[in-house]
Structures are given as C-alpha cells and as structure tokens.
C-alpha cells in the first residue's frame, strides 16, 4: 500500500471502503440480534457502536508502536482501524454473539482475547476479537452493560492527572469495583436463567 505525507489521510483512498466494511459488519450484527430476539423474546444487545479510528488516533498509535505513519501501517500493521463495540445485557449473550460471528463463515478470525474469564490486573473485562472482513481488519469488543460502565468511568479517571505514589491503591480500588460488578453480572444471569426455566415449565 502507498505511503502518505502528513497532509494526506493516513487511510489513503481506503476510507470509503473501510466505512462500507464497518457497515456490513454492523448489518450482520443486526441480523444476529433479530435471530436471537426471535429465540429469546428480547434483544440481547443494549447498544452497538461502530467507528473508524480518527486520523489523529491512528497516527498516534503508529508512533507509539514505532510504525511509520503510512497507509500500510494503518491498514496492515494495526488491527483496529475499524472498531465495533457490542454491549449486551447478560454475560451469556456475549458468548452467544461471539459464536454467531465466528461460525458465520463471513470473516477470517485473526485473534481472540477473553478478558471476561481472565480479566486484566486492574479489573478490565471484555471479549476482544480481531477479524478480517472485506480485506480490512476490525476489532470487535463484546461486553456487558456493567463492564462498559466500568470501562467508561475508568477512562475518565485514568487521564485526569498523574496519581504517583497512590497508583497501587487506586488500581486496587478499581479492581474491587470491577469484581463487584462482575458478581452482579453473574447474579443477573442467574436470575434470567431462573425466569427462562420457569417460563419453560409453564
């Protein structure tokens, strides 16, 4: 792929194709939601968002990873030019949607990381997938409402100021909050399972 000068888009002429690929993925996720809604009687997804990484963010990521600020770096060396976030009501729905994506045959699955069963040290939880669609990479993040709320709040706190010597305490408190929310997720999942079982018995 061609190089760029800093006055040109780092995506070169690929921005429209990236947007089309993102929209195709979002349309597929909508199909999955419709199918699951028919099965469960409810939409399993609270919300679903897609974005093309901004020029500034992509260039900054290239610099951070010691890649040249070129179209090749943006589209071949970095895997999240397209980003999709799927926020589900319940933990089981995260894995069901993951399975639907993987088993659809529409994508080449490059990498998966399960930060739900194996959370990060600070408590971050989410299911990450890197896939290739239409010749472009996309990162899919699946998480519950609780996980999404924690991640959003942690992001606001993290960049306010340097926390210095109190970092360990703050990370510990963030982890505690994340664990409490994870426990709530499991309790809510149990309640939903009980309701489904009762409905099946009636």
Protein backbone atom coordinates (compact mmCIF):
# COMPACT_ATOMS: atom_id res chain seq x y z
CA UNK A 1 0.00 0.00 0.00
CA UNK A 2 1.12 3.54 -0.69
CA UNK A 3 2.78 5.91 1.76
CA UNK A 4 1.22 9.18 2.89
CA UNK A 5 2.53 12.60 3.68
CA UNK A 6 1.20 14.12 6.87
CA UNK A 7 -1.15 16.37 4.83
CA UNK A 8 -2.95 13.36 3.34
CA UNK A 9 -5.31 10.92 5.00
CA UNK A 10 -3.40 8.09 6.61
CA UNK A 11 -6.04 5.80 5.09
CA UNK A 12 -5.24 6.99 1.56
CA UNK A 13 -8.19 6.19 -0.69
CA UNK A 14 -9.44 3.39 1.56
CA UNK A 15 -11.73 5.40 3.88
CA UNK A 16 -14.95 4.73 1.90
CA UNK A 17 -14.15 1.01 1.72
CA UNK A 18 -13.44 0.95 5.46
CA UNK A 19 -16.80 2.58 6.14
CA UNK A 20 -18.58 0.10 3.85
CA UNK A 21 -16.90 -2.82 5.62
CA UNK A 22 -17.85 -1.44 9.01
CA UNK A 23 -21.47 -1.02 7.89
CA UNK A 24 -21.52 -4.59 6.56
CA UNK A 25 -20.35 -5.89 9.95
CA UNK A 26 -22.95 -3.78 11.75
CA UNK A 27 -25.66 -5.10 9.41
CA UNK A 28 -24.59 -8.66 10.18
CA UNK A 29 -24.71 -7.98 13.91
CA UNK A 30 -28.23 -6.62 13.44
CA UNK A 31 -29.20 -9.90 11.74
CA UNK A 32 -27.81 -11.82 14.72
CA UNK A 33 -29.82 -9.63 17.08
CA UNK A 34 -33.01 -10.29 15.14
CA UNK A 35 -32.43 -14.04 15.26
CA UNK A 36 -31.65 -14.02 18.98
CA UNK A 37 -34.66 -11.79 19.66
CA UNK A 38 -36.86 -14.39 17.98
CA UNK A 39 -35.35 -17.12 20.15
CA UNK A 40 -35.20 -15.26 23.48
CA UNK A 41 -38.11 -12.87 23.13
CA UNK A 42 -35.77 -9.95 23.80
CA UNK A 43 -32.95 -8.09 22.07
CA UNK A 44 -29.73 -9.28 23.74
CA UNK A 45 -27.84 -6.11 22.78
CA UNK A 46 -28.22 -2.90 24.75
CA UNK A 47 -26.37 -0.93 22.09
CA UNK A 48 -23.86 -1.43 19.29
CA UNK A 49 -21.47 1.22 18.02
CA UNK A 50 -19.03 1.34 15.14
CA UNK A 51 -16.28 3.81 14.31
CA UNK A 52 -13.32 4.34 12.02
CA UNK A 53 -10.33 5.32 14.14
CA UNK A 54 -9.67 9.04 13.75
CA UNK A 55 -6.67 10.31 11.80
CA UNK A 56 -5.07 11.69 14.97
CA UNK A 57 -5.60 8.48 16.95
CA UNK A 58 -4.25 6.29 14.18
CA UNK A 59 -1.15 8.44 13.69
CA UNK A 60 -0.53 8.47 17.44
CA UNK A 61 -0.84 4.69 17.57
CA UNK A 62 1.64 4.35 14.71
CA UNK A 63 4.13 6.49 16.63
CA UNK A 64 3.53 4.58 19.85
CA UNK A 65 4.26 1.29 18.09
CA UNK A 66 7.24 2.66 16.14
CA UNK A 67 5.48 2.24 12.80
CA UNK A 68 5.79 4.82 10.01
CA UNK A 69 2.69 6.97 9.58
CA UNK A 70 1.61 5.32 6.35
CA UNK A 71 -1.46 3.68 4.88
CA UNK A 72 0.29 0.33 5.08
CA UNK A 73 0.85 0.74 8.81
CA UNK A 74 -2.74 1.86 9.38
CA UNK A 75 -4.32 -0.99 7.44
CA UNK A 76 -1.87 -3.89 7.74
CA UNK A 77 0.19 -3.44 10.91
CA UNK A 78 -2.51 -2.01 13.19
CA UNK A 79 -5.70 -4.03 13.50
CA UNK A 80 -8.31 -1.59 14.78
CA UNK A 81 -8.90 0.94 12.01
CA UNK A 82 -12.47 -0.40 12.24
CA UNK A 83 -13.80 -0.72 15.76
CA UNK A 84 -17.12 -2.28 16.81
CA UNK A 85 -18.40 -2.34 20.39
CA UNK A 86 -21.31 -4.61 21.26
CA UNK A 87 -22.81 -4.07 24.71
CA UNK A 88 -25.02 -6.90 25.93
CA UNK A 89 -27.38 -7.21 28.86
CA UNK A 90 -26.05 -10.59 30.05
CA UNK A 91 -22.74 -12.44 30.03
CA UNK A 92 -24.12 -15.47 28.18
CA UNK A 93 -25.22 -13.22 25.32
CA UNK A 94 -21.64 -12.04 24.85
CA UNK A 95 -20.51 -15.58 24.14
CA UNK A 96 -23.56 -16.42 22.03
CA UNK A 97 -22.94 -13.44 19.76
CA UNK A 98 -19.24 -14.29 19.65
CA UNK A 99 -20.14 -17.81 18.48
CA UNK A 100 -22.51 -16.45 15.84
CA UNK A 101 -19.77 -14.20 14.45
CA UNK A 102 -17.16 -16.95 14.41
CA UNK A 103 -19.46 -19.62 12.95
CA UNK A 104 -20.97 -17.37 10.28
CA UNK A 105 -18.11 -18.05 7.86
CA UNK A 106 -18.12 -14.38 6.87
CA UNK A 107 -14.80 -13.49 8.49
CA UNK A 108 -11.26 -14.64 8.98
CA UNK A 109 -10.71 -14.70 12.73
CA UNK A 110 -7.21 -13.41 13.45
CA UNK A 111 -7.09 -13.33 17.24
CA UNK A 112 -9.34 -13.57 20.29
CA UNK A 113 -8.71 -12.50 23.89
CA UNK A 114 -11.13 -13.31 26.68
CA UNK A 115 -10.76 -10.61 29.32
CA UNK A 116 -14.03 -11.71 30.91
CA UNK A 117 -12.84 -15.07 32.19
CA UNK A 118 -9.29 -13.72 32.51
CA UNK A 119 -9.60 -10.06 33.49
CA UNK A 120 -6.74 -7.58 33.33
CA UNK A 121 -4.97 -6.75 36.63
CA UNK A 122 -6.96 -3.52 37.03
CA UNK A 123 -10.25 -5.43 36.64
CA UNK A 124 -10.98 -4.63 32.99
CA UNK A 125 -13.33 -7.16 31.43
CA UNK A 126 -14.37 -7.54 27.80
CA UNK A 127 -14.16 -10.06 24.97
CA UNK A 128 -11.90 -8.88 22.13
CA UNK A 129 -11.81 -10.25 18.61
CA UNK A 130 -9.65 -9.24 15.66
CA UNK A 131 -11.12 -10.33 12.35
CA UNK A 132 -10.59 -9.60 8.69
CA UNK A 133 -13.61 -8.58 6.64
CA UNK A 134 -13.55 -7.40 3.05
CA UNK A 135 -9.76 -7.27 3.13
CA UNK A 136 -9.67 -5.00 6.19
CA UNK A 137 -9.04 -5.68 9.87
CA UNK A 138 -11.65 -4.91 12.50
CA UNK A 139 -11.61 -5.12 16.28
CA UNK A 140 -14.81 -6.33 17.94
CA UNK A 141 -15.31 -5.70 21.64
CA UNK A 142 -18.16 -7.53 23.38
CA UNK A 143 -19.07 -6.72 26.96
CA UNK A 144 -21.97 -6.36 29.35
CA UNK A 145 -23.56 -3.10 30.46
CA UNK A 146 -21.67 -3.33 33.77
CA UNK A 147 -18.34 -3.89 32.04
CA UNK A 148 -18.99 -1.00 29.68
CA UNK A 149 -19.91 1.32 32.55
CA UNK A 150 -16.74 0.41 34.46
CA UNK A 151 -14.55 0.92 31.36
CA UNK A 152 -16.09 4.33 30.67
CA UNK A 153 -15.61 5.51 34.27
CA UNK A 154 -12.07 4.12 34.42
CA UNK A 155 -11.22 6.02 31.24
CA UNK A 156 -12.41 9.30 32.77
CA UNK A 157 -10.42 8.72 35.95
CA UNK A 158 -7.25 7.50 34.29
CA UNK A 159 -6.44 10.64 32.35
CA UNK A 160 -7.31 13.31 34.90
CA UNK A 161 -3.87 13.64 36.50
CA UNK A 162 -0.74 11.77 37.45
CA UNK A 163 -1.54 9.71 40.53
CA UNK A 164 2.04 8.91 41.54
CA UNK A 165 2.53 7.02 44.78
CA UNK A 166 -1.19 6.31 45.19
CA UNK A 167 -1.39 4.32 41.96
CA UNK A 168 -1.39 0.93 43.68
CA UNK A 169 -4.27 1.91 45.97
CA UNK A 170 -6.32 3.35 43.11
CA UNK A 171 -5.75 0.28 40.91
CA UNK A 172 -6.77 -1.91 43.84
CA UNK A 173 -9.99 0.06 44.29
CA UNK A 174 -10.74 -0.10 40.56
CA UNK A 175 -10.23 -3.86 40.68
CA UNK A 176 -12.56 -4.14 43.67
CA UNK A 177 -15.29 -2.19 41.84
CA UNK A 178 -14.83 -4.33 38.72
CA UNK A 179 -15.10 -7.53 40.77
CA UNK A 180 -18.30 -6.31 42.44
CA UNK A 181 -19.83 -5.52 39.06
CA UNK A 182 -18.76 -8.92 37.75
CA UNK A 183 -20.51 -10.54 40.69
CA UNK A 184 -23.64 -8.56 39.88
CA UNK A 185 -23.43 -9.73 36.26
CA UNK A 186 -23.38 -13.34 37.42
CA UNK A 187 -26.33 -12.76 39.76
CA UNK A 188 -28.37 -11.13 37.00
CA UNK A 189 -27.51 -14.01 34.65
CA UNK A 190 -28.72 -16.47 37.28
CA UNK A 191 -31.98 -14.56 37.70
CA UNK A 192 -32.59 -14.55 33.94
CA UNK A 193 -31.87 -18.28 33.74
CA UNK A 194 -34.39 -18.91 36.53
CA UNK A 195 -37.03 -16.87 34.71
CA UNK A 196 -36.44 -18.78 31.47
CA UNK A 197 -36.71 -22.09 33.30
CA UNK A 198 -39.99 -21.06 34.96
CA UNK A 199 -41.40 -19.94 31.61
CA UNK A 200 -40.48 -23.28 30.05
CA UNK A 201 -42.22 -25.16 32.84
CA UNK A 202 -45.48 -23.23 32.46
